[in-house]
Amino acid sequence: MPYRIVSLSGAAVVGGVLSANSIDVSGLASGMYLLQIDGTSTAQKFVKR
């Protein structure tokens, strides 16, 4: 499933295709983000520390 990670300011930060039920966020700066998965109408907020 295609996904994208968006900063709270609305800028797309990372995108890709979900393949192993996990997403590598090690390259993201610390902060709050939204995970949006295509085909769903919800977004999940998460914090990268």
Protein backbone atom coordinates (compact mmCIF):
# COMPACT_ATOMS: atom_id res chain seq x y z
CA MET A 1 0.00 0.00 0.00
CA PRO A 2 1.33 3.46 -0.84
CA TYR A 3 1.91 5.78 2.10
CA ARG A 4 3.29 9.21 2.85
CA ILE A 5 4.56 10.92 5.97
CA VAL A 6 3.66 14.57 6.27
CA SER A 7 4.96 17.20 8.69
CA LEU A 8 2.37 19.07 10.75
CA SER A 9 2.97 22.09 8.51
CA GLY A 10 1.62 20.00 5.61
CA ALA A 11 4.85 19.32 3.73
CA ALA A 12 5.29 15.77 2.42
CA VAL A 13 8.49 14.40 3.98
CA VAL A 14 8.67 10.74 2.93
CA GLY A 15 6.64 8.46 0.71
CA GLY A 16 6.82 4.89 -0.39
CA VAL A 17 5.07 1.55 -0.55
CA LEU A 18 4.31 -0.33 2.66
CA SER A 19 5.61 -3.86 2.20
CA ALA A 20 6.66 -5.37 5.52
CA ASN A 21 4.17 -3.75 7.93
CA SER A 22 6.90 -1.39 9.09
CA ILE A 23 8.26 1.96 7.96
CA ASP A 24 11.84 3.10 8.56
CA VAL A 25 11.66 6.59 10.09
CA SER A 26 15.31 6.72 11.20
CA GLY A 27 16.04 9.42 8.62
CA LEU A 28 13.40 11.80 9.96
CA ALA A 29 14.25 14.70 12.24
CA SER A 30 12.70 14.67 15.71
CA GLY A 31 9.16 16.03 15.74
CA MET A 32 5.49 15.27 15.13
CA TYR A 33 4.29 13.79 11.85
CA LEU A 34 1.17 12.38 10.21
CA LEU A 35 1.15 8.99 8.52
CA GLN A 36 -1.32 8.81 5.63
CA ILE A 37 -1.97 5.48 3.93
CA ASP A 38 -3.60 5.68 0.50
CA GLY A 39 -7.01 4.09 0.37
CA THR A 40 -7.88 5.10 3.94
CA SER A 41 -9.55 8.27 5.11
CA THR A 42 -7.63 8.62 8.36
CA ALA A 43 -4.18 9.84 9.34
CA GLN A 44 -2.18 8.63 12.33
CA LYS A 45 -0.17 11.19 14.26
CA PHE A 46 3.18 10.00 15.65
CA VAL A 47 6.23 11.46 17.37
CA LYS A 48 9.78 10.78 16.19
CA ARG A 49 12.27 11.18 19.04
